Amino acid sequence: MSGLIRSATSAAAATARWLEDRTGIGALIGPVMTHKVPKSARWWYVFGSATLMFFMIQVVTGICLATVYAPDAATAWDNLNYINTAVPYGWLLRAIHAWSSNAMIIMMMLHMAQVFLHATYKFPREMTWIVGVVLCLVTLALSFTGQVMRWDQDAYWGLGIGASIADRIPLVGNQIRALVLGDQIISGATLSRFFTLHVFVLPGIAIGLVGLHLMLVLRHGISEMPAASPPVDRATYRPGFEERVHKGGVPFWPDAAKRDLIFCALALLGLVAIALWQGPIGPGGIPDPTIIETNPRPDLPFLWIFGVVSLIPPATEAFAMLVAPVFLILGLFAIPFLGNEGDRRPSKRPGMVLAVVLVTTCIGVLTYEGATSPWSPDMNAWSAYETPHDELAGRTPLERAGAVVIQFAQCRNCHQIGGLGGERGPALDDVATRLSYDQLVRQVQQGGGNMPAFGKNLPRAQTEAVALYMSTLHPKLERQDEIAAEAFAGERTPDEPAAQSPR
C-alpha cells in the first residue's frame, strides 16, 4: 500500500513539474500567495475578499442562468417563471444570483467604509481608491441592469424613471434616452440592450477593474492598521513601510488568507441560508403601463434613492437626479487628494468618523423610507370620479374622446382633474400652460418622470385625442379669455366648441 502511495505521489509531483515547466503558473501565482503583509492586518481586512467571492458567485450563476434565459420581451417574464418552477433547482440558482448581488454591494460598501475610516486611500494608494470607486459604480450598474432582466412591473417602472432621468440631461438628453432604450419607448430592443450590458459589457469591465485593483494592492501593499503606522509622509512613508513589512510582516498564505477563508465561508453559508429562506427575487407583475394597480420598488441597493425621491419636493427632482450624483461621485474621486498625508488613526480624525456614521444612518433611514413609503396613486379614481363638467364643456367630440381615454386608461389614478384623482403625477388642470401639443404627444408615448411610456399600449388616434383634450386644459380664467377672444375675432360664437389644437 505504501508503495502505491509513493508511486501516486511521485506521479502527481511529476505532473505538477510538467505543468509548471510548460505554463509557469506557479511562478505567477507563487509571489502573489507568499507576499508579505503587515502582521496587524487582521479581521478588518476581510471585506474585500468577501466582495471578490460574491462577484465570482455572480459570474458562475450568471453563466448558468444565461444558458436558459431568453432575452425576448414577449417571453422573458414567462421564461423566468419557467426557471423558477420547471428547471431543477432553477429557483435556488436565481435566488443565489439575486441575493449575492445585494451581498456583493453590502460587502463593497463595508470595504470602502473601512478604507475611508483607516485612511488607506492616502499616499501611495490613491489610484487603488479611484479604481475601487469606479468598480463600485460598475457594480451598481450591474445590479440595476439585473433588475431589468426580470422584466416585471418593478423593472418597467425602474426603466421609465431611469430613462426620464437621462431625458432631463440638457442638450443630449433625448439622444442618451434613445441610446439607452434602443427606441423612443420601452420595448424589446430595450431588454436586448440591457441583456448585452448585464451579461457581456459590464462583467467584462468589472473583471478588468478587479484585476487592476488587485495589481495595485500588490504593488503598494496591504496597509497596516492605523495604530501601527506612523503619520503618512511622502518622503519617508514608502521606504519605512517596506522595511516594517520586511521585518515584521507575515506571508499572505496561510497567515492572512485563513481569516479571509473563514469569513468567506461564513458569508457563503449566510447567502445560501437567505436564498433558501427568501427564494428568488421576482418576477413580479407582468410589465404593462396600463396596470396601475401595482406598488413598484427598486432593489435593495437603490431603495434609499427611492426614499429621497419620496421626500423631496417635485421642484428639486432635477437637481437631486442630475446634479447631486455628479458632485457625489466627484467628491469620492477627490478624497485621496484632499487628505493625502498625515495621521491615519480614526481617533485623530473625528470628522471622518462622524461622516461615516451620518452617511450610514442616512442610508439606513432612507432605505426604510423607500421600503415603506406609500404608493400615492388613487387606484379607484378612474372608475370612481367623473370628469368635471367644466372640463368637458365647449370641447369638440374628438377632444371629449380624449377625456374618455384618460378616464379608462387609468390616467386619473395618478393625475388629478378638478381636484379629483391621484397625486403621483402633476395635476392636469393647467397642463396646456406647461406643454405644447407636440410635447403632450411625446409625453404620452415616451413617458417621463415617474410616468411610464404608453406608446405601445395606446393607438395613435387615441394618443392624439388625449393630447388634443389636454391642450384645452387651462386655468378657468385663461380658458374663458381664450373663448372670448375667439368669439370676438369671429371665429366662433361663445356657445360653439373650441377649435382643435394644431397638430
Protein backbone atom coordinates (compact mmCIF):
# COMPACT_ATOMS: atom_id res chain seq x y z
CA MET A 1 0.00 0.00 0.00
CA SER A 2 2.81 2.39 0.93
CA GLY A 3 4.48 1.69 -2.40
CA LEU A 4 1.25 2.57 -4.22
CA ILE A 5 1.00 5.83 -2.29
CA ARG A 6 4.64 6.70 -3.11
CA SER A 7 4.01 5.99 -6.79
CA ALA A 8 0.89 8.18 -6.83
CA THR A 9 2.75 10.98 -5.04
CA SER A 10 5.63 10.76 -7.47
CA ALA A 11 3.28 10.83 -10.46
CA ALA A 12 1.47 13.87 -9.08
CA ALA A 13 4.77 15.67 -8.46
CA ALA A 14 5.94 14.86 -11.97
CA THR A 15 2.67 16.16 -13.42
CA ALA A 16 2.99 19.37 -11.38
CA ARG A 17 6.59 19.88 -12.59
CA TRP A 18 5.49 19.32 -16.20
CA LEU A 19 2.66 21.85 -15.88
CA GLU A 20 4.94 24.38 -14.22
CA ASP A 21 7.57 23.93 -16.94
CA ARG A 22 5.01 24.41 -19.71
CA THR A 23 2.87 27.19 -18.19
CA GLY A 24 4.88 28.91 -15.46
CA ILE A 25 1.67 29.29 -13.48
CA GLY A 26 3.44 28.56 -10.20
CA ALA A 27 5.93 31.35 -10.80
CA LEU A 28 2.99 33.64 -11.50
CA ILE A 29 0.79 32.72 -8.52
CA GLY A 30 3.54 31.94 -6.03
CA PRO A 31 4.67 35.53 -5.34
CA VAL A 32 1.02 36.59 -5.01
CA MET A 33 0.26 33.94 -2.39
CA THR A 34 3.52 34.31 -0.43
CA HIS A 35 4.00 38.08 -0.48
CA LYS A 36 4.29 39.56 2.98
CA VAL A 37 1.52 41.62 4.56
CA PRO A 38 1.57 43.62 7.80
CA LYS A 39 1.08 41.42 10.85
CA SER A 40 -1.55 43.87 12.11
CA ALA A 41 -3.77 43.27 9.04
CA ARG A 42 -6.49 41.23 10.70
CA TRP A 43 -10.30 40.92 10.58
CA TRP A 44 -10.87 44.49 9.36
CA TYR A 45 -9.39 43.42 6.02
CA VAL A 46 -11.73 40.55 5.11
CA PHE A 47 -14.45 42.60 3.36
CA GLY A 48 -12.51 42.96 0.10
CA SER A 49 -12.05 39.19 -0.19
CA ALA A 50 -15.76 38.63 0.52
CA THR A 51 -16.66 41.13 -2.21
CA LEU A 52 -14.48 39.21 -4.67
CA MET A 53 -16.09 35.92 -3.62
CA PHE A 54 -19.60 37.24 -4.22
CA PHE A 55 -18.53 38.60 -7.60
CA MET A 56 -17.25 35.15 -8.59
CA ILE A 57 -20.60 33.68 -7.50
CA GLN A 58 -22.32 36.26 -9.69
CA VAL A 59 -20.24 35.24 -12.69
CA VAL A 60 -20.78 31.48 -12.24
CA THR A 61 -24.52 31.65 -11.53
CA GLY A 62 -24.97 34.26 -14.26
CA ILE A 63 -23.40 31.95 -16.84
CA CYS A 64 -25.73 29.13 -15.74
CA LEU A 65 -28.80 31.37 -15.98
CA ALA A 66 -27.75 32.71 -19.39
CA THR A 67 -27.99 29.18 -20.81
CA VAL A 68 -31.73 29.16 -20.02
CA TYR A 69 -32.85 32.80 -20.04
CA ALA A 70 -34.26 34.16 -23.30
CA PRO A 71 -33.91 37.99 -23.62
CA ASP A 72 -37.15 38.42 -25.55
CA ALA A 73 -39.70 40.97 -24.36
CA ALA A 74 -42.62 38.71 -25.30
CA THR A 75 -41.35 35.67 -23.38
CA ALA A 76 -38.87 36.90 -20.72
CA TRP A 77 -41.44 37.05 -17.92
CA ASP A 78 -42.75 33.55 -18.69
CA ASN A 79 -39.18 32.34 -19.09
CA LEU A 80 -38.26 33.37 -15.54
CA ASN A 81 -41.34 31.64 -14.17
CA TYR A 82 -40.29 28.55 -16.12
CA ILE A 83 -36.83 28.70 -14.46
CA ASN A 84 -38.47 29.08 -11.06
CA THR A 85 -40.89 26.18 -11.46
CA ALA A 86 -39.67 23.76 -14.12
CA VAL A 87 -35.86 23.87 -14.22
CA PRO A 88 -34.39 21.61 -11.49
CA TYR A 89 -33.16 23.89 -8.71
CA GLY A 90 -33.62 26.84 -11.03
CA TRP A 91 -35.33 28.79 -8.26
CA LEU A 92 -32.32 28.28 -5.99
CA LEU A 93 -29.91 29.35 -8.73
CA ARG A 94 -31.89 32.55 -9.28
CA ALA A 95 -32.08 33.16 -5.53
CA ILE A 96 -28.33 32.78 -5.06
CA HIS A 97 -27.67 35.05 -8.06
CA ALA A 98 -30.02 37.77 -6.82
CA TRP A 99 -29.04 37.75 -3.15
CA SER A 100 -25.31 37.51 -3.90
CA SER A 101 -25.72 40.72 -5.91
CA ASN A 102 -27.06 42.51 -2.83
CA ALA A 103 -24.40 40.87 -0.65
CA MET A 104 -21.63 41.97 -3.00
CA ILE A 105 -22.77 45.60 -2.79
CA ILE A 106 -23.06 45.46 1.02
CA MET A 107 -19.56 43.99 1.34
CA MET A 108 -18.20 46.58 -1.08
CA MET A 109 -19.75 49.39 0.98
CA LEU A 110 -18.25 47.93 4.17
CA HIS A 111 -14.86 47.63 2.46
CA MET A 112 -14.99 51.26 1.28
CA ALA A 113 -16.08 52.43 4.76
CA GLN A 114 -13.13 50.56 6.33
CA VAL A 115 -10.71 52.08 3.80
CA PHE A 116 -12.14 55.54 4.48
CA LEU A 117 -12.02 55.17 8.28
CA HIS A 118 -8.43 53.89 8.21
CA ALA A 119 -7.39 56.48 5.59
CA THR A 120 -5.90 53.73 3.44
CA TYR A 121 -6.51 55.96 0.40
CA LYS A 122 -3.58 58.20 1.40
CA PHE A 123 -0.21 58.16 -0.41
CA PRO A 124 0.74 55.99 -2.26
CA ARG A 125 -2.64 54.25 -2.69
CA GLU A 126 -4.65 56.98 -4.41
CA MET A 127 -5.19 55.01 -7.61
CA THR A 128 -6.29 51.94 -5.63
CA TRP A 129 -9.14 54.03 -4.15
CA ILE A 130 -10.09 55.56 -7.51
CA VAL A 131 -10.27 52.16 -9.22
CA GLY A 132 -12.36 50.93 -6.29
CA VAL A 133 -14.83 53.81 -6.75
CA VAL A 134 -15.17 53.01 -10.46
CA LEU A 135 -15.66 49.33 -9.62
CA CYS A 136 -18.40 50.32 -7.13
CA LEU A 137 -20.24 52.29 -9.86
CA VAL A 138 -19.96 49.36 -12.29
CA THR A 139 -21.32 47.02 -9.59
CA LEU A 140 -24.33 49.30 -9.05
CA ALA A 141 -24.89 49.33 -12.82
CA LEU A 142 -24.79 45.52 -12.82
CA SER A 143 -27.42 45.49 -10.07
CA PHE A 144 -29.71 47.87 -11.97
CA THR A 145 -29.41 46.01 -15.28
CA GLY A 146 -30.04 42.76 -13.40
CA GLN A 147 -33.34 44.12 -12.12
CA VAL A 148 -34.32 44.90 -15.71
CA MET A 149 -33.72 41.24 -16.62
CA ARG A 150 -36.77 40.30 -14.51
CA TRP A 151 -38.92 42.28 -16.96
CA ASP A 152 -41.73 42.79 -14.46
CA GLN A 153 -43.56 45.85 -13.16
CA ASP A 154 -40.63 46.90 -10.96
CA ALA A 155 -38.29 46.65 -13.94
CA TYR A 156 -40.67 48.56 -16.21
CA TRP A 157 -41.18 51.44 -13.79
CA GLY A 158 -37.48 51.49 -12.94
CA LEU A 159 -36.64 51.75 -16.63
CA GLY A 160 -39.17 54.54 -17.05
CA ILE A 161 -37.64 56.52 -14.19
CA GLY A 162 -34.09 55.84 -15.40
CA ALA A 163 -34.98 56.93 -18.93
CA SER A 164 -36.66 60.08 -17.61
CA ILE A 165 -33.52 60.95 -15.66
CA ALA A 166 -31.46 60.60 -18.84
CA ASP A 167 -34.05 62.65 -20.70
CA ARG A 168 -33.54 65.58 -18.33
CA ILE A 169 -29.87 65.96 -19.23
CA PRO A 170 -29.54 69.28 -21.11
CA LEU A 171 -28.90 69.21 -24.87
CA VAL A 172 -28.21 65.46 -25.21
CA GLY A 173 -31.00 64.01 -23.04
CA ASN A 174 -33.08 62.76 -25.98
CA GLN A 175 -30.10 61.09 -27.62
CA ILE A 176 -29.00 59.39 -24.40
CA ARG A 177 -32.55 58.20 -23.74
CA ALA A 178 -32.81 56.70 -27.23
CA LEU A 179 -29.37 55.10 -26.82
CA VAL A 180 -30.37 53.53 -23.50
CA LEU A 181 -33.79 52.29 -24.60
CA GLY A 182 -32.88 51.39 -28.16
CA ASP A 183 -36.16 53.05 -29.18
CA GLN A 184 -38.31 56.02 -28.28
CA ILE A 185 -40.27 53.80 -25.90
CA ILE A 186 -39.54 50.80 -23.67
CA SER A 187 -39.65 47.81 -26.00
CA GLY A 188 -37.98 44.54 -26.91
CA ALA A 189 -34.92 46.45 -28.09
CA THR A 190 -34.58 47.82 -24.55
CA LEU A 191 -34.41 44.35 -22.99
CA SER A 192 -31.91 43.23 -25.63
CA ARG A 193 -29.61 46.16 -24.89
CA PHE A 194 -29.77 45.69 -21.15
CA PHE A 195 -29.12 41.96 -21.55
CA THR A 196 -25.97 42.76 -23.53
CA LEU A 197 -24.87 45.24 -20.87
CA HIS A 198 -25.61 42.88 -17.99
CA VAL A 199 -24.11 39.71 -19.46
CA PHE A 200 -21.21 40.94 -21.60
CA VAL A 201 -20.20 44.59 -21.28
CA LEU A 202 -20.40 45.32 -17.55
CA PRO A 203 -18.98 41.95 -16.36
CA GLY A 204 -16.05 42.37 -18.77
CA ILE A 205 -15.35 45.85 -17.41
CA ALA A 206 -15.72 44.59 -13.83
CA ILE A 207 -13.27 41.72 -14.38
CA GLY A 208 -10.71 44.14 -15.82
CA LEU A 209 -11.16 46.54 -12.90
CA VAL A 210 -10.87 43.72 -10.34
CA GLY A 211 -7.59 42.65 -11.95
CA LEU A 212 -6.29 46.23 -11.93
CA HIS A 213 -7.40 46.73 -8.32
CA LEU A 214 -5.60 43.56 -7.17
CA MET A 215 -2.47 44.55 -9.12
CA LEU A 216 -2.42 47.93 -7.35
CA VAL A 217 -2.91 46.25 -3.96
CA LEU A 218 0.08 44.00 -4.66
CA ARG A 219 2.17 46.89 -5.95
CA HIS A 220 1.63 49.18 -2.95
CA GLY A 221 0.99 46.51 -0.32
CA ILE A 222 -1.85 45.99 2.15
CA SER A 223 -1.81 48.91 4.56
CA GLU A 224 -1.13 48.49 8.26
CA MET A 225 -3.70 49.17 10.93
CA PRO A 226 -3.63 52.92 11.61
CA ALA A 227 -2.32 52.48 15.17
CA ALA A 228 0.68 50.51 13.85
CA SER A 229 1.55 53.06 11.18
CA PRO A 230 3.26 56.43 11.65
CA PRO A 231 1.69 59.52 10.01
CA VAL A 232 1.96 59.41 6.24
CA ASP A 233 4.81 61.50 4.85
CA ARG A 234 5.53 61.33 1.13
CA ALA A 235 9.29 61.48 1.69
CA THR A 236 9.54 58.67 4.23
CA TYR A 237 6.39 56.51 4.09
CA ARG A 238 7.26 54.10 1.28
CA PRO A 239 10.74 53.01 2.46
CA GLY A 240 9.51 52.87 6.07
CA PHE A 241 6.51 50.70 5.10
CA GLU A 242 8.69 48.30 3.10
CA GLU A 243 11.14 47.99 5.98
CA ARG A 244 8.42 47.31 8.52
CA VAL A 245 6.75 44.67 6.34
CA HIS A 246 10.11 43.01 5.57
CA LYS A 247 10.97 42.72 9.27
CA GLY A 248 7.61 42.06 10.89
CA GLY A 249 5.31 41.00 8.07
CA VAL A 250 3.75 37.56 7.57
CA PRO A 251 3.08 35.63 4.34
CA PHE A 252 -0.38 36.19 2.91
CA TRP A 253 -0.77 32.40 2.65
CA PRO A 254 -1.62 30.94 5.04
CA ASP A 255 -1.31 33.52 7.84
CA ALA A 256 -3.60 36.26 6.48
CA ALA A 257 -5.58 34.16 3.99
CA LYS A 258 -7.04 31.91 6.70
CA ARG A 259 -9.09 34.80 8.10
CA ASP A 260 -10.39 35.61 4.63
CA LEU A 261 -11.34 31.96 4.10
CA ILE A 262 -13.16 31.72 7.43
CA PHE A 263 -15.12 34.92 6.85
CA CYS A 264 -15.94 33.98 3.23
CA ALA A 265 -17.14 30.55 4.34
CA LEU A 266 -19.46 32.10 6.93
CA ALA A 267 -20.70 34.66 4.38
CA LEU A 268 -21.36 31.88 1.86
CA LEU A 269 -23.36 29.89 4.42
CA GLY A 270 -25.36 33.02 5.20
CA LEU A 271 -26.03 33.59 1.50
CA VAL A 272 -27.28 30.04 0.96
CA ALA A 273 -29.47 30.29 4.07
CA ILE A 274 -31.06 33.53 2.85
CA ALA A 275 -31.55 32.07 -0.64
CA LEU A 276 -33.30 29.01 0.82
CA TRP A 277 -35.41 31.14 3.17
CA GLN A 278 -36.39 34.00 0.88
CA GLY A 279 -36.24 32.29 -2.52
CA PRO A 280 -35.67 34.16 -5.79
CA ILE A 281 -36.50 37.85 -6.21
CA GLY A 282 -39.40 38.18 -8.64
CA PRO A 283 -40.59 38.31 -11.22
CA GLY A 284 -43.46 40.49 -10.01
CA GLY A 285 -46.42 41.60 -12.08
CA ILE A 286 -46.39 41.47 -15.88
CA PRO A 287 -44.89 44.72 -17.29
CA ASP A 288 -47.84 46.76 -18.51
CA PRO A 289 -48.10 50.55 -18.07
CA THR A 290 -51.89 50.39 -18.16
CA ILE A 291 -51.90 48.32 -14.95
CA ILE A 292 -51.59 51.00 -12.28
CA GLU A 293 -52.62 48.55 -9.53
CA THR A 294 -49.01 47.98 -8.58
CA ASN A 295 -46.50 49.01 -5.95
CA PRO A 296 -43.16 49.21 -7.76
CA ARG A 297 -39.97 49.37 -5.72
CA PRO A 298 -36.31 49.27 -6.75
CA ASP A 299 -33.99 46.58 -5.43
CA LEU A 300 -32.27 46.97 -2.07
CA PRO A 301 -29.21 48.98 -3.24
CA PHE A 302 -31.47 51.69 -4.68
CA LEU A 303 -34.21 51.85 -2.06
CA TRP A 304 -32.54 54.81 -0.35
CA ILE A 305 -32.75 56.78 -3.62
CA PHE A 306 -36.45 55.89 -3.81
CA GLY A 307 -36.74 57.20 -0.26
CA VAL A 308 -35.09 60.50 -1.20
CA VAL A 309 -37.44 61.00 -4.16
CA SER A 310 -40.47 60.24 -1.98
CA LEU A 311 -39.49 63.03 0.45
CA ILE A 312 -38.16 65.88 -1.69
CA PRO A 313 -40.45 68.44 -3.38
CA PRO A 314 -41.05 67.80 -7.11
CA ALA A 315 -39.30 71.08 -7.99
CA THR A 316 -35.98 69.72 -6.67
CA GLU A 317 -36.10 66.39 -8.52
CA ALA A 318 -33.95 67.59 -11.43
CA PHE A 319 -31.20 68.73 -9.06
CA ALA A 320 -31.40 65.54 -6.99
CA MET A 321 -31.27 63.30 -10.07
CA LEU A 322 -28.74 65.13 -12.23
CA VAL A 323 -26.56 67.48 -10.19
CA ALA A 324 -26.24 65.83 -6.77
CA PRO A 325 -24.93 62.45 -8.10
CA VAL A 326 -22.25 64.22 -10.15
CA PHE A 327 -20.96 66.11 -7.10
CA LEU A 328 -21.15 62.93 -5.01
CA ILE A 329 -19.06 60.92 -7.49
CA LEU A 330 -16.55 63.76 -7.99
CA GLY A 331 -16.28 64.04 -4.20
CA LEU A 332 -15.45 60.33 -3.92
CA PHE A 333 -12.75 60.68 -6.57
CA ALA A 334 -11.32 63.75 -4.82
CA ILE A 335 -11.00 62.14 -1.35
CA PRO A 336 -7.40 60.84 -1.76
CA PHE A 337 -6.23 64.25 -2.99
CA LEU A 338 -7.91 66.31 -0.25
CA GLY A 339 -6.13 64.48 2.57
CA ASN A 340 -3.07 62.77 1.13
CA GLU A 341 -0.78 62.82 4.16
CA GLY A 342 -0.95 62.87 7.94
CA ASP A 343 -2.25 60.68 10.75
CA ARG A 344 -4.44 57.74 9.76
CA ARG A 345 -5.89 56.92 13.18
CA PRO A 346 -9.69 57.41 13.38
CA SER A 347 -9.29 58.91 16.87
CA LYS A 348 -7.30 61.74 15.29
CA ARG A 349 -9.86 62.22 12.52
CA PRO A 350 -13.21 62.57 14.35
CA GLY A 351 -14.78 64.45 11.44
CA MET A 352 -14.27 61.46 9.15
CA VAL A 353 -15.74 59.09 11.73
CA LEU A 354 -18.77 61.38 12.10
CA ALA A 355 -19.15 61.48 8.32
CA VAL A 356 -19.27 57.65 8.12
CA VAL A 357 -21.81 57.49 10.96
CA LEU A 358 -24.03 60.16 9.36
CA VAL A 359 -23.89 58.62 5.88
CA THR A 360 -24.63 55.14 7.24
CA THR A 361 -27.52 56.43 9.33
CA CYS A 362 -28.98 58.43 6.44
CA ILE A 363 -28.78 55.49 4.03
CA GLY A 364 -30.40 53.20 6.61
CA VAL A 365 -33.24 55.63 7.36
CA LEU A 366 -33.82 56.42 3.68
CA THR A 367 -33.79 52.71 2.80
CA TYR A 368 -36.50 52.14 5.38
CA GLU A 369 -38.42 55.11 3.98
CA GLY A 370 -38.05 53.73 0.46
CA ALA A 371 -39.32 50.31 1.56
CA THR A 372 -42.33 51.63 3.48
CA SER A 373 -43.30 54.92 1.79
CA PRO A 374 -46.88 54.79 0.46
CA TRP A 375 -47.53 54.43 -3.24
CA SER A 376 -49.64 57.53 -3.87
CA PRO A 377 -51.90 56.78 -6.86
CA ASP A 378 -55.63 56.61 -6.13
CA MET A 379 -56.41 53.19 -7.58
CA ASN A 380 -60.15 53.82 -7.83
CA ALA A 381 -60.00 57.28 -9.38
CA TRP A 382 -60.56 56.09 -12.95
CA SER A 383 -63.85 54.42 -12.01
CA ALA A 384 -64.99 56.50 -9.02
CA TYR A 385 -64.58 60.09 -10.21
CA GLU A 386 -66.32 61.64 -13.17
CA THR A 387 -64.61 64.25 -15.30
CA PRO A 388 -65.82 67.69 -14.08
CA HIS A 389 -68.44 69.27 -16.36
CA ASP A 390 -66.35 72.44 -16.69
CA GLU A 391 -63.53 70.36 -18.16
CA LEU A 392 -65.83 68.96 -20.87
CA ALA A 393 -67.93 71.99 -21.82
CA GLY A 394 -67.07 73.54 -25.16
CA ARG A 395 -64.88 70.64 -26.30
CA THR A 396 -65.12 69.01 -29.69
CA PRO A 397 -66.15 65.35 -29.97
CA LEU A 398 -62.53 64.37 -30.59
CA GLU A 399 -61.37 66.27 -27.52
CA ARG A 400 -64.11 64.61 -25.44
CA ALA A 401 -62.93 61.27 -26.79
CA GLY A 402 -59.50 62.14 -25.37
CA ALA A 403 -61.13 62.72 -21.97
CA VAL A 404 -62.70 59.25 -22.21
CA VAL A 405 -59.30 57.69 -22.97
CA ILE A 406 -57.77 59.49 -19.98
CA GLN A 407 -60.52 58.05 -17.81
CA PHE A 408 -60.35 54.43 -18.95
CA ALA A 409 -56.56 54.28 -19.40
CA GLN A 410 -56.46 54.96 -15.63
CA CYS A 411 -54.52 58.21 -16.06
CA ARG A 412 -56.56 59.75 -13.27
CA ASN A 413 -55.20 57.22 -10.81
CA CYS A 414 -52.03 59.32 -10.89
CA HIS A 415 -53.25 62.74 -12.14
CA GLN A 416 -55.94 64.98 -10.73
CA ILE A 417 -58.53 66.80 -12.82
CA GLY A 418 -60.68 69.29 -10.97
CA GLY A 419 -59.11 68.28 -7.66
CA LEU A 420 -60.10 64.59 -8.02
CA GLY A 421 -57.62 61.80 -8.67
CA GLY A 422 -54.21 60.56 -7.58
CA GLU A 423 -51.25 62.70 -6.66
CA ARG A 424 -48.41 60.60 -8.02
CA GLY A 425 -48.11 62.88 -11.05
CA PRO A 426 -48.87 66.57 -11.56
CA ALA A 427 -52.48 67.76 -11.84
CA LEU A 428 -53.74 68.15 -15.42
CA ASP A 429 -55.96 71.23 -14.87
CA ASP A 430 -53.31 73.58 -16.30
CA VAL A 431 -51.17 71.17 -18.30
CA ALA A 432 -51.71 73.18 -21.52
CA THR A 433 -49.83 76.10 -19.95
CA ARG A 434 -46.76 73.89 -19.45
CA LEU A 435 -46.64 71.66 -22.52
CA SER A 436 -47.43 72.17 -26.20
CA TYR A 437 -49.45 69.69 -28.24
CA ASP A 438 -46.31 68.03 -29.62
CA GLN A 439 -44.81 67.79 -26.13
CA LEU A 440 -48.02 66.21 -24.84
CA VAL A 441 -47.95 63.57 -27.58
CA ARG A 442 -44.34 62.85 -26.78
CA GLN A 443 -45.03 62.63 -23.04
CA VAL A 444 -47.85 60.13 -23.53
CA GLN A 445 -45.84 58.00 -25.95
CA GLN A 446 -42.45 58.07 -24.20
CA GLY A 447 -43.30 58.76 -20.56
CA GLY A 448 -41.07 60.75 -18.26
CA GLY A 449 -40.53 61.44 -14.58
CA ASN A 450 -42.38 58.67 -12.76
CA MET A 451 -44.69 58.11 -15.73
CA PRO A 452 -44.26 55.00 -17.91
CA ALA A 453 -44.43 55.12 -21.68
CA PHE A 454 -47.83 54.34 -23.24
CA GLY A 455 -46.62 54.30 -26.86
CA LYS A 456 -47.10 50.54 -27.19
CA ASN A 457 -50.48 50.44 -25.48
CA LEU A 458 -52.40 53.36 -26.98
CA PRO A 459 -53.19 53.53 -30.71
CA ARG A 460 -52.02 56.72 -32.39
CA ALA A 461 -55.59 58.02 -32.76
CA GLN A 462 -56.18 57.71 -29.01
CA THR A 463 -52.83 59.36 -28.24
CA GLU A 464 -53.76 62.31 -30.48
CA ALA A 465 -57.18 62.58 -28.87
CA VAL A 466 -55.62 62.66 -25.39
CA ALA A 467 -53.15 65.35 -26.47
CA LEU A 468 -55.92 67.41 -28.08
CA TYR A 469 -58.01 67.26 -24.94
CA MET A 470 -55.11 68.16 -22.65
CA SER A 471 -54.26 71.07 -24.97
CA THR A 472 -57.53 72.66 -23.81
CA LEU A 473 -56.79 72.36 -20.09
CA HIS A 474 -56.04 75.91 -18.96
CA PRO A 475 -56.88 77.64 -15.69
CA LYS A 476 -60.55 78.74 -15.82
CA LEU A 477 -59.89 82.44 -16.36
CA GLU A 478 -57.44 81.75 -19.17
CA ARG A 479 -59.96 79.36 -20.73
CA GLN A 480 -62.72 81.96 -20.61
CA ASP A 481 -60.43 84.62 -22.05
CA GLU A 482 -59.47 82.26 -24.89
CA ILE A 483 -63.13 81.55 -25.75
CA ALA A 484 -63.99 85.25 -25.59
CA ALA A 485 -61.07 86.18 -27.80
CA GLU A 486 -62.07 83.59 -30.42
CA ALA A 487 -65.66 84.83 -30.31
CA PHE A 488 -64.57 88.47 -30.67
CA ALA A 489 -62.44 87.54 -33.65
CA GLY A 490 -65.49 86.00 -35.29
CA GLU A 491 -64.01 82.52 -35.39
CA ARG A 492 -66.96 81.10 -33.41
CA THR A 493 -69.80 82.09 -31.11
CA PRO A 494 -69.34 81.74 -27.35
CA ASP A 495 -71.55 78.63 -27.39
CA GLU A 496 -69.58 76.84 -30.12
CA PRO A 497 -66.94 74.27 -29.19
CA ALA A 498 -63.28 75.25 -29.12
CA ALA A 499 -61.16 74.77 -32.20
CA GLN A 500 -58.86 71.81 -32.28
CA SER A 501 -55.29 72.39 -31.23
CA PRO A 502 -52.79 72.37 -34.09
CA ARG A 503 -51.20 69.04 -34.76
